[in-house]
């Protein structure tokens, strides 16, 4: 199942950048610079391997139900840590995009904000999917109940 990013190939590559903002910068600074960078990628690389992406900011919430590292109340990196996640047809196409003359100046402007430098990790998709529609969820629950007995 592959419904997270439409048209993302089953053998595609996901890259993840983890950004931790320097204390003198805020979310607005990051959004402005990342918007310029993402617009560049969409404009110049949509036909050469870029499929989609998203940027997510640390909200500060920590799941006590889903965490095994104690019962934390809030993340110290709230509004300082972001993930820049992109989806590509291949790792080679991703790398070529980063070598482009139009990309590099914008990338450096984002890096100026980061106290952690940058490490971009590439991942292969193992699974993705959307939630069921209400009718599908009920049918799945009924099927599990029938087969559990």
Protein backbone atom coordinates (compact mmCIF):
# COMPACT_ATOMS: atom_id res chain seq x y z
CA UNK A 1 0.00 0.00 0.00
CA UNK A 2 1.41 3.34 -0.98
CA UNK A 3 -1.03 6.21 -0.53
CA UNK A 4 0.98 8.65 1.57
CA UNK A 5 2.45 10.66 -1.32
CA UNK A 6 0.53 10.13 -4.59
CA UNK A 7 2.68 8.66 -7.37
CA UNK A 8 5.53 7.79 -5.02
CA UNK A 9 7.16 4.67 -6.50
CA UNK A 10 7.37 1.57 -4.33
CA UNK A 11 11.16 1.59 -4.72
CA UNK A 12 11.48 5.35 -4.15
CA UNK A 13 13.71 7.07 -1.60
CA UNK A 14 12.77 9.27 1.34
CA UNK A 15 15.30 11.74 2.72
CA UNK A 16 15.09 13.24 6.19
CA UNK A 17 16.91 16.35 7.40
CA UNK A 18 16.79 17.11 11.13
CA UNK A 19 17.15 20.82 11.82
CA UNK A 20 17.71 22.26 15.29
CA UNK A 21 17.43 26.04 15.26
CA UNK A 22 20.08 28.23 16.84
CA UNK A 23 18.61 30.20 19.77
CA UNK A 24 18.63 33.48 17.85
CA UNK A 25 16.28 32.09 15.14
CA UNK A 26 12.62 31.10 15.28
CA UNK A 27 10.00 29.19 13.30
CA UNK A 28 9.31 32.16 11.04
CA UNK A 29 12.96 32.31 9.98
CA UNK A 30 12.93 28.61 9.19
CA UNK A 31 9.63 28.73 7.31
CA UNK A 32 10.78 31.58 5.10
CA UNK A 33 14.05 29.95 4.11
CA UNK A 34 12.66 26.44 3.73
CA UNK A 35 9.79 27.77 1.59
CA UNK A 36 12.32 29.27 -0.83
CA UNK A 37 14.30 26.01 -0.88
CA UNK A 38 11.23 23.82 -1.39
CA UNK A 39 9.89 26.07 -4.15
CA UNK A 40 13.23 25.73 -5.92
CA UNK A 41 13.11 21.93 -5.69
CA UNK A 42 9.51 21.80 -6.95
CA UNK A 43 10.29 24.17 -9.83
CA UNK A 44 13.54 22.65 -11.05
CA UNK A 45 13.31 18.99 -10.00
CA UNK A 46 9.67 17.91 -10.39
CA UNK A 47 10.63 16.49 -13.77
CA UNK A 48 13.91 14.99 -12.56
CA UNK A 49 12.91 12.76 -9.66
CA UNK A 50 11.26 14.92 -6.98
CA UNK A 51 7.88 13.45 -6.00
CA UNK A 52 6.88 15.46 -2.91
CA UNK A 53 7.72 16.33 0.64
CA UNK A 54 6.75 17.99 3.88
CA UNK A 55 8.26 19.94 6.77
CA UNK A 56 7.20 19.19 10.34
CA UNK A 57 7.97 21.22 13.48
CA UNK A 58 8.39 19.70 16.93
CA UNK A 59 5.14 20.62 18.74
CA UNK A 60 6.59 19.94 22.19
CA UNK A 61 4.17 17.13 22.94
CA UNK A 62 5.62 13.78 23.95
CA UNK A 63 3.43 10.70 23.89
CA UNK A 64 3.50 8.98 27.25
CA UNK A 65 1.55 6.13 25.67
CA UNK A 66 4.03 5.65 22.82
CA UNK A 67 7.34 6.47 24.52
CA UNK A 68 9.57 4.15 26.51
CA UNK A 69 11.94 6.82 27.80
CA UNK A 70 10.03 7.84 30.91
CA UNK A 71 7.02 10.02 31.43
CA UNK A 72 8.20 13.30 29.97
CA UNK A 73 5.85 16.26 29.92
CA UNK A 74 7.23 18.30 27.01
CA UNK A 75 10.09 18.23 24.54
CA UNK A 76 12.90 20.70 25.18
CA UNK A 77 13.14 21.15 21.41
CA UNK A 78 9.59 22.55 21.00
CA UNK A 79 9.60 25.10 18.17
CA UNK A 80 13.36 24.53 17.67
CA UNK A 81 13.48 21.15 15.91
CA UNK A 82 12.08 20.46 12.46
CA UNK A 83 12.15 17.58 10.02
CA UNK A 84 12.42 18.24 6.30
CA UNK A 85 11.22 15.10 4.53
CA UNK A 86 11.39 14.66 0.76
CA UNK A 87 10.34 11.86 -1.58
CA UNK A 88 12.35 10.97 -4.71
CA UNK A 89 12.26 8.45 -7.54
CA UNK A 90 15.90 7.58 -6.79
CA UNK A 91 18.79 8.55 -4.54
CA UNK A 92 20.87 9.49 -7.59
CA UNK A 93 18.24 12.04 -8.67
CA UNK A 94 18.17 13.47 -5.16
CA UNK A 95 21.93 13.89 -5.16
CA UNK A 96 21.87 15.56 -8.59
CA UNK A 97 19.30 18.08 -7.34
CA UNK A 98 21.59 19.09 -4.50
CA UNK A 99 24.44 19.76 -6.91
CA UNK A 100 22.40 22.30 -8.88
CA UNK A 101 23.58 25.91 -8.88
CA UNK A 102 20.17 27.25 -7.90
CA UNK A 103 19.81 24.87 -4.93
CA UNK A 104 23.13 25.39 -3.15
CA UNK A 105 22.76 29.09 -2.15
CA UNK A 106 19.28 28.43 -0.72
CA UNK A 107 20.52 25.34 1.11
CA UNK A 108 23.34 27.34 2.71
CA UNK A 109 20.80 29.93 3.91
CA UNK A 110 18.86 27.18 5.72
CA UNK A 111 22.07 25.77 7.23
CA UNK A 112 22.88 29.20 8.72
CA UNK A 113 19.92 28.66 11.07
CA UNK A 114 21.04 25.23 12.28
CA UNK A 115 22.99 24.60 15.43
CA UNK A 116 23.38 20.93 14.53
CA UNK A 117 24.75 21.35 11.02
CA UNK A 118 22.99 18.93 8.73
CA UNK A 119 22.90 15.22 8.18
CA UNK A 120 20.46 14.02 5.55
CA UNK A 121 19.57 10.35 5.85
CA UNK A 122 18.02 8.40 2.96
CA UNK A 123 15.39 5.73 3.69
CA UNK A 124 13.55 3.14 1.62
CA UNK A 125 9.79 2.94 2.07
CA UNK A 126 8.65 -0.24 3.80
CA UNK A 127 5.01 0.67 4.30
CA UNK A 128 2.65 3.62 4.05
CA UNK A 129 -1.09 3.93 4.01
CA UNK A 130 -4.07 6.07 4.75
CA UNK A 131 -6.68 5.48 7.41
CA UNK A 132 -9.74 3.48 6.43
CA UNK A 133 -12.97 5.28 5.60
CA UNK A 134 -15.55 4.70 8.38
CA UNK A 135 -17.30 1.87 6.49
CA UNK A 136 -13.99 0.15 5.73
CA UNK A 137 -12.93 0.41 9.39
CA UNK A 138 -16.16 -1.21 10.59
CA UNK A 139 -15.79 -4.02 8.04
CA UNK A 140 -12.18 -4.62 9.12
CA UNK A 141 -13.19 -4.70 12.79
CA UNK A 142 -16.00 -7.16 12.07
CA UNK A 143 -13.68 -9.40 10.04
CA UNK A 144 -11.10 -9.44 12.85
CA UNK A 145 -13.79 -10.27 15.41
CA UNK A 146 -15.09 -13.13 13.22
CA UNK A 147 -11.65 -14.64 12.65
CA UNK A 148 -10.42 -14.18 16.22
CA UNK A 149 -12.94 -16.69 17.54
